C-alpha atoms as a PDB file:
ATOM      1  CA  GLN A   1     114.191  76.243 -29.687  1.00  0.00           C
ATOM      2  CA  ALA A   2     114.647  73.443 -26.857  1.00  0.00           C
ATOM      3  CA  LEU A   3     112.548  74.999 -24.277  1.00  0.00           C
ATOM      4  CA  ALA A   4     109.719  75.889 -27.138  1.00  0.00           C
ATOM      5  CA  ARG A   5     110.029  72.070 -28.065  1.00  0.00           C
ATOM      6  CA  ILE A   6     109.714  70.640 -24.550  1.00  0.00           C
ATOM      7  CA  SER A   7     107.126  73.102 -23.432  1.00  0.00           C
ATOM      8  CA  SER A   8     104.782  72.573 -26.271  1.00  0.00           C
ATOM      9  CA  THR A   9     104.095  69.236 -25.286  1.00  0.00           C
ATOM     10  CA  VAL A  10     102.451  69.962 -21.817  1.00  0.00           C
ATOM     11  CA  PRO A  11     100.189  73.059 -20.924  1.00  0.00           C
ATOM     12  CA  CYS A  12     102.281  75.655 -18.789  1.00  0.00           C
ATOM     13  CA  LYS A  13     103.256  79.040 -18.056  1.00  0.00           C
ATOM     14  CA  ILE A  14     106.581  80.575 -18.526  1.00  0.00           C
ATOM     15  CA  ASN A  15     108.019  82.921 -16.390  1.00  0.00           C
ATOM     16  CA  LEU A  16     111.218  84.858 -17.628  1.00  0.00           C
ATOM     17  CA  ILE A  17     113.341  86.454 -14.607  1.00  0.00           C
ATOM     18  CA  GLY A  18     116.760  87.647 -15.496  1.00  0.00           C
ATOM     19  CA  PHE A  19     119.600  86.738 -13.573  1.00  0.00           C
ATOM     20  CA  ASN A  20     121.021  88.929 -11.143  1.00  0.00           C
ATOM     21  CA  PRO A  21     124.788  88.912 -10.952  1.00  0.00           C
ATOM     22  CA  VAL A  22     126.738  87.061  -7.931  1.00  0.00           C
ATOM     23  CA  GLU A  23     130.171  87.597  -7.481  1.00  0.00           C
ATOM     24  CA  GLY A  24     132.670  84.949  -8.475  1.00  0.00           C
ATOM     25  CA  VAL A  25     129.811  83.482 -11.185  1.00  0.00           C
ATOM     26  CA  ARG A  26     130.813  83.467 -14.795  1.00  0.00           C
ATOM     27  CA  PHE A  27     127.056  84.184 -15.677  1.00  0.00           C
ATOM     28  CA  ARG A  28     125.834  88.161 -16.377  1.00  0.00           C
ATOM     29  CA  SER A  29     122.581  89.784 -16.318  1.00  0.00           C
ATOM     30  CA  PRO A  30     120.643  89.635 -19.535  1.00  0.00           C
ATOM     31  CA  ARG A  31     119.952  93.031 -20.854  1.00  0.00           C
ATOM     32  CA  LEU A  32     116.282  93.728 -21.462  1.00  0.00           C
ATOM     33  CA  GLU A  33     116.308  93.625 -25.004  1.00  0.00           C
ATOM     34  CA  GLU A  34     118.004  90.385 -24.547  1.00  0.00           C
ATOM     35  CA  LEU A  35     114.888  88.986 -22.487  1.00  0.00           C
ATOM     36  CA  GLN A  36     112.423  90.417 -25.151  1.00  0.00           C
ATOM     37  CA  HIS A  37     114.113  88.499 -27.786  1.00  0.00           C
ATOM     38  CA  PHE A  38     113.602  85.195 -25.612  1.00  0.00           C
ATOM     39  CA  GLN A  39     110.259  85.714 -24.905  1.00  0.00           C
ATOM     40  CA  LYS A  40     109.233  86.731 -28.544  1.00  0.00           C
ATOM     41  CA  ILE A  41     111.164  83.176 -29.714  1.00  0.00           C
ATOM     42  CA  LEU A  42     109.059  81.215 -26.959  1.00  0.00           C
ATOM     43  CA  LEU A  43     106.045  82.906 -28.254  1.00  0.00           C
ATOM     44  CA  GLY A  44     106.098  82.279 -31.359  1.00  0.00           C
ATOM     45  CA  ALA A  45     107.376  78.787 -31.027  1.00  0.00           C
ATOM     46  CA  CYS A  46     105.476  77.099 -28.329  1.00  0.00           C
ATOM     47  CA  LYS A  47     102.117  79.174 -27.976  1.00  0.00           C
ATOM     48  CA  GLN A  48     102.293  79.119 -24.204  1.00  0.00           C
ATOM     49  CA  ALA A  49     101.811  81.788 -21.807  1.00  0.00           C
ATOM     50  CA  VAL A  50     104.985  83.498 -21.644  1.00  0.00           C
ATOM     51  CA  THR A  51     105.557  86.326 -18.836  1.00  0.00           C
ATOM     52  CA  LEU A  52     108.762  88.646 -18.475  1.00  0.00           C
ATOM     53  CA  ARG A  53     108.950  89.390 -14.810  1.00  0.00           C
ATOM     54  CA  ARG A  54     110.985  91.947 -13.040  1.00  0.00           C
ATOM     55  CA  SER A  55     113.284  90.202 -10.324  1.00  0.00           C
ATOM     56  CA  HIS A  56     112.758  91.473  -7.051  1.00  0.00           C
ATOM     57  CA  GLY A  57     115.180  91.337  -3.642  1.00  0.00           C
ATOM     58  CA  THR A  58     118.619  92.792  -5.344  1.00  0.00           C
ATOM     59  CA  ASP A  59     118.624  95.056  -2.602  1.00  0.00           C
ATOM     60  CA  ILE A  60     118.916  92.480  -0.187  1.00  0.00           C
ATOM     61  CA  ALA A  61     121.257  89.663  -2.245  1.00  0.00           C
ATOM     62  CA  ALA A  62     118.065  87.664  -2.298  1.00  0.00           C
ATOM     63  CA  ALA A  63     117.394  87.892  -5.769  1.00  0.00           C
ATOM     64  CA  CYS A  64     117.450  85.462  -8.659  1.00  0.00           C
ATOM     65  CA  GLY A  65     120.739  83.609  -8.020  1.00  0.00           C
ATOM     66  CA  GLN A  66     122.044  85.582  -5.429  1.00  0.00           C
ATOM     67  CA  LEU A  67     120.863  83.183  -2.614  1.00  0.00           C
ATOM     68  CA  ALA A  68     123.385  80.727  -4.290  1.00  0.00           C
ATOM     69  CA  GLY A  69     126.405  83.020  -3.705  1.00  0.00           C
ATOM     70  CA  ALA A  70     125.526  83.630   0.355  1.00  0.00           C
ATOM     71  CA  GLY A  71     127.517  81.563   2.445  1.00  0.00           C
END
């Protein structure tokens, strides 16, 4: 609801990309159903373009969240 409220005041496009697991980080990857539910909430509340995108780069540890674990 907070993201919908904030984004409803500014013309924007929202891209949802699931977080990829990183060793030592307590966050987990969302299930597809969870991402779709989040997208549905945003579409209904903020009337912005909300795109669900696939995360690329998991094979080389360069996908969303993974670069933070490198080093």
